[in-house]
Amino acid sequence: MSKTQPQPFALRGEYITLDALLKATGLVGSGGEAKLLITEGQVRVDGEVELRRGRKLRGGETVQLGATAVAVQAPAAAPTPEA
């Protein structure tokens, strides 16, 4: 069985919480469903079971729910103005 590549998810701000990521990617239909799946231990972050729905994801993490994986990408750094 071949492993599929995680789908990318680009952050728009500094971070996104785990439950919000599950909703934003369409992996769950509601916050209640996200909370249930997280508390049941069905969600992994970087291969480890994550039980905190408010876990802040800042980029570089891979979130997995079942056979679906999402790669969280940090926002591109804003260019600094020249002095």
C-alpha atoms as a PDB file:
ATOM      1  CA  MET A   1       0.000   0.000   0.000  1.00  0.00           C
ATOM      2  CA  SER A   2       1.458   3.366  -1.017  1.00  0.00           C
ATOM      3  CA  LYS A   3       1.360   6.401   1.195  1.00  0.00           C
ATOM      4  CA  THR A   4      -0.188   9.529  -0.286  1.00  0.00           C
ATOM      5  CA  GLN A   5       1.323  12.960   0.123  1.00  0.00           C
ATOM      6  CA  PRO A   6      -0.280  15.223   2.738  1.00  0.00           C
ATOM      7  CA  GLN A   7      -2.465  17.984   1.360  1.00  0.00           C
ATOM      8  CA  PRO A   8      -0.932  21.416   2.026  1.00  0.00           C
ATOM      9  CA  PHE A   9      -2.666  23.994   4.211  1.00  0.00           C
ATOM     10  CA  ALA A  10      -1.161  27.503   4.197  1.00  0.00           C
ATOM     11  CA  LEU A  11      -1.622  29.535   7.364  1.00  0.00           C
ATOM     12  CA  ARG A  12      -2.968  33.064   6.954  1.00  0.00           C
ATOM     13  CA  GLY A  13      -1.980  34.183  10.432  1.00  0.00           C
ATOM     14  CA  GLU A  14       0.528  33.200  13.095  1.00  0.00           C
ATOM     15  CA  TYR A  15      -1.245  29.936  13.973  1.00  0.00           C
ATOM     16  CA  ILE A  16      -4.449  27.888  13.737  1.00  0.00           C
ATOM     17  CA  THR A  17      -5.876  25.660  16.443  1.00  0.00           C
ATOM     18  CA  LEU A  18      -6.208  21.949  15.781  1.00  0.00           C
ATOM     19  CA  ASP A  19     -10.016  21.937  15.855  1.00  0.00           C
ATOM     20  CA  ALA A  20     -10.175  24.960  13.519  1.00  0.00           C
ATOM     21  CA  LEU A  21      -7.788  23.242  11.085  1.00  0.00           C
ATOM     22  CA  LEU A  22      -9.997  20.154  10.934  1.00  0.00           C
ATOM     23  CA  LYS A  23     -12.990  22.370  10.111  1.00  0.00           C
ATOM     24  CA  ALA A  24     -11.097  24.582   7.631  1.00  0.00           C
ATOM     25  CA  THR A  25      -9.856  21.574   5.655  1.00  0.00           C
ATOM     26  CA  GLY A  26     -13.283  19.940   5.569  1.00  0.00           C
ATOM     27  CA  LEU A  27     -12.144  16.872   7.500  1.00  0.00           C
ATOM     28  CA  VAL A  28     -15.034  17.473   9.927  1.00  0.00           C
ATOM     29  CA  GLY A  29     -18.361  19.216   9.529  1.00  0.00           C
ATOM     30  CA  SER A  30     -18.541  20.954  12.895  1.00  0.00           C
ATOM     31  CA  GLY A  31     -16.587  21.982  15.954  1.00  0.00           C
ATOM     32  CA  GLY A  32     -18.427  19.356  17.980  1.00  0.00           C
ATOM     33  CA  GLU A  33     -17.302  16.625  15.592  1.00  0.00           C
ATOM     34  CA  ALA A  34     -13.717  17.912  15.773  1.00  0.00           C
ATOM     35  CA  LYS A  35     -13.814  17.910  19.583  1.00  0.00           C
ATOM     36  CA  LEU A  36     -15.172  14.356  19.655  1.00  0.00           C
ATOM     37  CA  LEU A  37     -12.557  12.956  17.273  1.00  0.00           C
ATOM     38  CA  ILE A  38      -9.727  14.726  19.109  1.00  0.00           C
ATOM     39  CA  THR A  39     -10.840  13.584  22.577  1.00  0.00           C
ATOM     40  CA  GLU A  40     -11.246  10.019  21.265  1.00  0.00           C
ATOM     41  CA  GLY A  41      -7.575  10.047  20.214  1.00  0.00           C
ATOM     42  CA  GLN A  42      -8.254   9.753  16.490  1.00  0.00           C
ATOM     43  CA  VAL A  43      -6.153  12.774  15.493  1.00  0.00           C
ATOM     44  CA  ARG A  44      -2.358  12.703  15.284  1.00  0.00           C
ATOM     45  CA  VAL A  45       0.081  15.594  15.039  1.00  0.00           C
ATOM     46  CA  ASP A  46       3.515  14.603  13.731  1.00  0.00           C
ATOM     47  CA  GLY A  47       2.679  10.957  14.385  1.00  0.00           C
ATOM     48  CA  GLU A  48       1.654  11.427  18.030  1.00  0.00           C
ATOM     49  CA  VAL A  49      -1.923  11.298  19.330  1.00  0.00           C
ATOM     50  CA  GLU A  50      -3.032  14.837  20.223  1.00  0.00           C
ATOM     51  CA  LEU A  51      -5.845  15.286  22.734  1.00  0.00           C
ATOM     52  CA  ARG A  52      -5.816  19.115  22.938  1.00  0.00           C
ATOM     53  CA  ARG A  53      -8.287  20.643  20.520  1.00  0.00           C
ATOM     54  CA  GLY A  54      -6.776  24.081  21.152  1.00  0.00           C
ATOM     55  CA  ARG A  55      -3.265  22.948  20.168  1.00  0.00           C
ATOM     56  CA  LYS A  56      -1.680  25.805  18.233  1.00  0.00           C
ATOM     57  CA  LEU A  57      -0.244  24.803  14.873  1.00  0.00           C
ATOM     58  CA  ARG A  58       2.311  27.300  13.593  1.00  0.00           C
ATOM     59  CA  GLY A  59       3.597  25.544  10.485  1.00  0.00           C
ATOM     60  CA  GLY A  60       5.758  22.515   9.857  1.00  0.00           C
ATOM     61  CA  GLU A  61       3.355  20.054  11.510  1.00  0.00           C
ATOM     62  CA  THR A  62       1.552  17.187   9.800  1.00  0.00           C
ATOM     63  CA  VAL A  63      -1.953  16.455  11.081  1.00  0.00           C
ATOM     64  CA  GLN A  64      -3.517  13.083  10.353  1.00  0.00           C
ATOM     65  CA  LEU A  65      -7.112  11.921  10.668  1.00  0.00           C
ATOM     66  CA  GLY A  66      -7.686   8.418   9.342  1.00  0.00           C
ATOM     67  CA  ALA A  67      -6.032   8.061   5.946  1.00  0.00           C
ATOM     68  CA  THR A  68      -5.947  11.830   5.335  1.00  0.00           C
ATOM     69  CA  ALA A  69      -2.940  13.952   6.229  1.00  0.00           C
ATOM     70  CA  VAL A  70      -2.574  17.734   6.131  1.00  0.00           C
ATOM     71  CA  ALA A  71       0.783  19.540   6.060  1.00  0.00           C
ATOM     72  CA  VAL A  72       0.535  22.886   7.858  1.00  0.00           C
ATOM     73  CA  GLN A  73       2.642  25.537   6.133  1.00  0.00           C
ATOM     74  CA  ALA A  74       3.786  28.716   7.864  1.00  0.00           C
ATOM     75  CA  PRO A  75       2.885  31.966   6.141  1.00  0.00           C
ATOM     76  CA  ALA A  76       5.548  33.515   3.961  1.00  0.00           C
ATOM     77  CA  ALA A  77       7.582  36.086   5.846  1.00  0.00           C
ATOM     78  CA  ALA A  78       6.660  39.657   5.008  1.00  0.00           C
ATOM     79  CA  PRO A  79       9.449  41.583   3.339  1.00  0.00           C
ATOM     80  CA  THR A  80      11.190  43.975   5.691  1.00  0.00           C
ATOM     81  CA  PRO A  81      11.351  47.615   4.608  1.00  0.00           C
ATOM     82  CA  GLU A  82      14.804  48.968   3.875  1.00  0.00           C
ATOM     83  CA  ALA A  83      16.116  51.540   6.302  1.00  0.00           C
END
